[in-house]
Protein backbone atom coordinates (compact mmCIF):
# COMPACT_ATOMS: atom_id res chain seq x y z
CA UNK A 1 0.27 0.12 0.10
CA UNK A 2 2.68 2.46 1.07
CA UNK A 3 4.57 2.30 -2.62
CA UNK A 4 1.29 3.02 -4.29
CA UNK A 5 0.77 5.87 -1.93
CA UNK A 6 4.58 7.11 -2.74
CA UNK A 7 3.78 6.53 -6.79
CA UNK A 8 0.53 8.80 -6.95
CA UNK A 9 1.95 11.47 -4.31
CA UNK A 10 5.09 11.34 -6.95
CA UNK A 11 2.34 11.57 -10.27
CA UNK A 12 0.50 14.73 -8.86
CA UNK A 13 3.97 16.42 -7.82
CA UNK A 14 5.35 16.02 -11.00
CA UNK A 15 1.76 16.98 -12.81
CA UNK A 16 2.06 20.13 -10.39
CA UNK A 17 5.44 21.10 -11.76
CA UNK A 18 4.50 20.60 -14.86
CA UNK A 19 1.41 22.80 -15.11
CA UNK A 20 3.51 25.81 -13.28
CA UNK A 21 6.10 25.50 -15.46
CA UNK A 22 3.96 25.78 -18.31
CA UNK A 23 2.16 29.02 -16.58
CA UNK A 24 5.61 30.39 -16.25
CA UNK A 25 7.19 29.85 -19.33
CA UNK A 26 6.79 32.28 -22.63
CA UNK A 27 6.40 30.59 -25.38
CA UNK A 28 9.14 31.60 -28.12
CA UNK A 29 7.88 31.86 -31.66
CA UNK A 30 11.04 30.82 -33.59
CA UNK A 31 8.73 32.01 -37.07
CA UNK A 32 8.34 35.73 -35.30
CA UNK A 33 7.61 38.19 -38.29
CA UNK A 34 8.15 42.27 -37.81
CA UNK A 35 6.95 45.85 -38.73
CA UNK A 36 3.47 44.44 -40.63
CA UNK A 37 1.76 47.63 -40.44
CA UNK A 38 3.32 50.88 -41.48
CA UNK A 39 2.34 54.69 -41.44
CA UNK A 40 4.11 57.67 -42.34
CA UNK A 41 4.39 61.71 -42.37
CA UNK A 42 6.70 63.29 -44.76
CA UNK A 43 7.44 66.92 -45.92
CA UNK A 44 6.79 66.90 -49.97
CA UNK A 45 9.54 68.67 -52.05
CA UNK A 46 9.73 69.26 -56.11
CA UNK A 47 12.71 68.25 -57.20
CA UNK A 48 13.91 68.90 -60.76
CA UNK A 49 12.08 72.31 -60.64
CA UNK A 50 11.84 74.58 -63.85
CA UNK A 51 13.12 78.22 -63.39
CA UNK A 52 10.83 80.49 -61.33
CA UNK A 53 8.63 77.72 -59.97
CA UNK A 54 8.89 77.91 -55.83
CA UNK A 55 7.06 76.12 -52.83
CA UNK A 56 4.71 78.05 -50.55
CA UNK A 57 3.35 76.68 -47.35
CA UNK A 58 3.58 73.13 -46.05
CA UNK A 59 3.02 70.55 -48.24
CA UNK A 60 2.12 67.09 -46.82
CA UNK A 61 2.26 63.64 -47.42
CA UNK A 62 0.34 60.75 -45.32
CA UNK A 63 1.21 57.02 -46.22
CA UNK A 64 -0.05 53.90 -44.40
CA UNK A 65 -0.60 50.21 -45.37
CA UNK A 66 0.36 46.35 -44.76
CA UNK A 67 3.34 44.96 -45.62
CA UNK A 68 4.01 41.00 -46.25
CA UNK A 69 7.22 40.35 -43.84
CA UNK A 70 9.57 37.36 -45.38
CA UNK A 71 12.52 36.66 -43.22
CA UNK A 72 15.46 35.13 -45.98
CA UNK A 73 17.86 33.80 -43.14
CA UNK A 74 17.60 31.48 -39.81
CA UNK A 75 18.25 34.44 -37.53
CA UNK A 76 15.36 36.69 -38.80
CA UNK A 77 16.94 39.64 -38.93
CA UNK A 78 16.82 39.69 -42.80
CA UNK A 79 13.62 39.75 -44.47
CA UNK A 80 11.92 40.95 -47.86
CA UNK A 81 9.11 42.99 -47.25
CA UNK A 82 6.67 43.28 -50.10
CA UNK A 83 3.48 45.47 -49.38
CA UNK A 84 0.26 47.12 -50.30
CA UNK A 85 -0.63 50.77 -49.33
CA UNK A 86 -2.20 54.16 -49.56
CA UNK A 87 -0.59 57.73 -49.90
CA UNK A 88 -2.12 61.00 -49.70
CA UNK A 89 0.06 63.59 -51.15
CA UNK A 90 -0.56 67.73 -51.68
CA UNK A 91 2.38 70.26 -52.93
CA UNK A 92 1.92 73.74 -52.35
CA UNK A 93 3.50 75.88 -55.04
CA UNK A 94 3.14 78.60 -57.80
CA UNK A 95 2.53 76.45 -60.86
CA UNK A 96 -0.74 77.31 -61.85
CA UNK A 97 -2.85 74.60 -63.86
CA UNK A 98 -5.68 75.75 -65.59
CA UNK A 99 -7.84 73.83 -68.60
CA UNK A 100 -8.45 75.36 -72.54
CA UNK A 101 -11.55 75.53 -74.42
CA UNK A 102 -10.67 71.80 -75.96
CA UNK A 103 -10.37 70.69 -72.61
CA UNK A 104 -6.55 70.34 -72.27
CA UNK A 105 -4.27 71.49 -69.54
CA UNK A 106 -2.07 74.26 -69.77
CA UNK A 107 0.83 75.67 -67.40
CA UNK A 108 2.37 78.87 -66.21
CA UNK A 109 4.23 80.39 -63.48
CA UNK A 110 2.79 82.59 -61.13
CA UNK A 111 4.10 85.88 -60.77
CA UNK A 112 3.55 86.54 -56.82
CA UNK A 113 4.51 90.39 -57.86
CA UNK A 114 1.72 90.55 -59.87
CA UNK A 115 -1.03 88.13 -59.36
CA UNK A 116 -2.51 87.99 -55.63
CA UNK A 117 -3.54 84.28 -54.40
CA UNK A 118 -3.64 82.83 -51.12
CA UNK A 119 -3.83 79.22 -52.33
CA UNK A 120 -2.42 76.94 -55.15
CA UNK A 121 -1.36 73.30 -54.51
CA UNK A 122 -1.86 70.09 -56.63
CA UNK A 123 -3.19 66.78 -54.97
CA UNK A 124 -2.91 62.99 -55.41
CA UNK A 125 -4.20 60.14 -53.95
CA UNK A 126 -2.47 56.92 -54.79
CA UNK A 127 -2.07 52.91 -54.10
CA UNK A 128 1.40 51.90 -53.53
CA UNK A 129 3.02 48.75 -53.45
CA UNK A 130 6.51 49.01 -51.45
CA UNK A 131 8.84 46.25 -51.70
CA UNK A 132 12.11 46.34 -49.43
CA UNK A 133 15.37 44.42 -48.39
CA UNK A 134 14.80 44.58 -44.91
CA UNK A 135 18.18 44.75 -42.29
CA UNK A 136 17.38 45.19 -38.37
CA UNK A 137 18.30 43.41 -34.75
CA UNK A 138 15.37 42.43 -33.60
CA UNK A 139 14.91 38.79 -31.98
CA UNK A 140 11.81 36.82 -31.04
CA UNK A 141 11.59 38.93 -27.63
CA UNK A 142 12.96 42.03 -28.41
CA UNK A 143 11.02 44.50 -29.58
CA UNK A 144 13.09 47.51 -29.30
CA UNK A 145 15.96 47.31 -32.54
CA UNK A 146 17.98 48.97 -34.79
CA UNK A 147 16.84 48.69 -38.36
CA UNK A 148 17.45 49.78 -41.92
CA UNK A 149 14.73 48.94 -44.60
CA UNK A 150 15.42 50.09 -48.37
CA UNK A 151 13.84 49.19 -52.02
CA UNK A 152 11.98 50.94 -54.25
CA UNK A 153 8.12 51.73 -54.07
CA UNK A 154 5.87 51.57 -56.92
CA UNK A 155 2.16 54.11 -57.11
CA UNK A 156 -0.89 54.21 -59.18
CA UNK A 157 -2.61 57.82 -59.37
CA UNK A 158 -6.20 56.97 -58.54
CA UNK A 159 -7.49 60.36 -57.96
CA UNK A 160 -5.86 63.67 -58.75
CA UNK A 161 -6.74 67.26 -58.48
CA UNK A 162 -5.73 71.10 -58.37
CA UNK A 163 -6.94 74.02 -56.45
CA UNK A 164 -6.15 77.79 -56.92
CA UNK A 165 -7.65 80.59 -54.75
CA UNK A 166 -6.77 84.12 -55.96
CA UNK A 167 -7.60 86.91 -58.43
CA UNK A 168 -9.25 86.94 -60.72
CA UNK A 169 -11.20 84.03 -60.03
CA UNK A 170 -11.18 80.58 -57.81
CA UNK A 171 -9.94 77.48 -59.82
CA UNK A 172 -10.73 73.72 -59.04
CA UNK A 173 -9.79 70.94 -61.32
CA UNK A 174 -10.16 67.08 -61.35
CA UNK A 175 -8.51 63.99 -62.85
CA UNK A 176 -5.67 66.26 -64.57
CA UNK A 177 -4.87 64.29 -67.79
CA UNK A 178 -1.14 65.78 -67.35
CA UNK A 179 -0.20 63.80 -63.80
CA UNK A 180 1.43 60.68 -64.78
CA UNK A 181 -0.83 58.03 -63.37
CA UNK A 182 2.30 55.74 -62.70
CA UNK A 183 4.77 56.53 -60.28
CA UNK A 184 7.78 55.11 -58.67
CA UNK A 185 10.85 55.82 -56.53
CA UNK A 186 13.23 54.74 -54.39
CA UNK A 187 12.97 54.64 -50.80
CA UNK A 188 15.19 54.33 -47.44
CA UNK A 189 13.76 54.11 -44.14
CA UNK A 190 16.19 54.11 -41.11
CA UNK A 191 15.57 54.50 -37.15
CA UNK A 192 15.33 53.13 -33.89
CA UNK A 193 12.45 51.53 -32.10
CA UNK A 194 9.44 54.00 -32.89
CA UNK A 195 11.20 56.75 -34.63
CA UNK A 196 12.24 56.00 -38.38
CA UNK A 197 13.31 58.50 -40.54
CA UNK A 198 12.48 58.01 -44.36
CA UNK A 199 13.00 59.26 -47.42
CA UNK A 200 11.35 58.71 -50.96
CA UNK A 201 13.22 59.70 -54.82
CA UNK A 202 11.11 60.12 -57.21
CA UNK A 203 12.46 57.87 -60.50
CA UNK A 204 9.85 59.74 -62.79
CA UNK A 205 8.33 62.97 -62.98
CA UNK A 206 5.05 63.70 -61.83
CA UNK A 207 3.65 65.46 -64.83
CA UNK A 208 3.86 63.60 -68.33
CA UNK A 209 5.40 65.04 -71.53
CA UNK A 210 1.53 66.73 -71.99
CA UNK A 211 2.79 69.44 -68.69
CA UNK A 212 4.94 71.97 -71.09
CA UNK A 213 6.04 75.76 -69.72
CA UNK A 214 6.62 77.88 -73.15
CA UNK A 215 7.09 74.42 -75.16
CA UNK A 216 9.42 72.93 -72.30
CA UNK A 217 8.56 69.56 -70.80
CA UNK A 218 8.07 69.79 -66.59
CA UNK A 219 10.52 67.26 -65.81
CA UNK A 220 9.75 67.86 -62.31
CA UNK A 221 9.81 65.07 -59.49
CA UNK A 222 8.37 64.11 -56.10
CA UNK A 223 10.74 64.14 -52.75
CA UNK A 224 9.46 63.10 -49.84
CA UNK A 225 10.79 63.38 -46.40
CA UNK A 226 9.75 62.30 -42.71
CA UNK A 227 9.29 59.79 -40.38
CA UNK A 228 7.74 56.16 -40.51
CA UNK A 229 6.28 54.06 -37.91
CA UNK A 230 6.25 50.51 -38.07
CA UNK A 231 3.45 48.26 -35.77
CA UNK A 232 3.59 44.47 -36.05
C-alpha cells in the first residue's frame, strides 16, 4: 500500500510542477515576423524644378499600409517585405494648372508680384506597393531594435486634383490628364524603435509629356522626407 501511495504522490507532484512550468514559461515564436503595418508623415518637395517655380506653405504626405514580412535567414533579422498601401500627397507651389476650351491642360508660373493668391496646390491619392530589403537587430523577444529598410515603391494615382484661390477667379480641377498615373521611386527607412527617418526619391516625373511651360516639358519629380512608424 505504501509504495502505491508514494507512486501517486510522485505523479501528482510531477503533474503540478509541469503545470506551474507551463504557466510561467514564455513561448518563443521561432518564426516571428516584424513591422507588418506602417504609417508615415512626410514633407513633400519638388525636385528638378523649372525656372521660376517655387514652393510655399506646407506640402504634406500621409502614408499607411500593410507589408508581408518574409525572413530570408535563420536568425530572421534579414527579410524581404512586399506591401500594399495608400498615399495622400499635396504640393503647394506657384505652378498654375488651367484648362483650355478643348479640355487640355496649360501650365504657367504665377508671378507673385503681379497676381495675388492665397492657395495654389495639386494633390494626388495613390495606391502603392513597397518592395523592401529589410535588416534589423530584432529577436523573438526584443521589440526595440535598430532597422534599415531600403527598396523600391511603385504607385498608381487613383485621383488627382488642383486648387487655386486668388485673382481673378478661384479654379478647381479634377483628374488632370497631365499628371502621370504611374509613379515610382527609391525608398529608405532607418531608425531605432518608434522613430524612423524616411526618404522617397521619385525616379520618374510627376507630370507626363503633356505638361509644358513655354514648349518645355516639366521634368519635376517628387521627393518626400519624414518619419515612418511600424507596428506588428
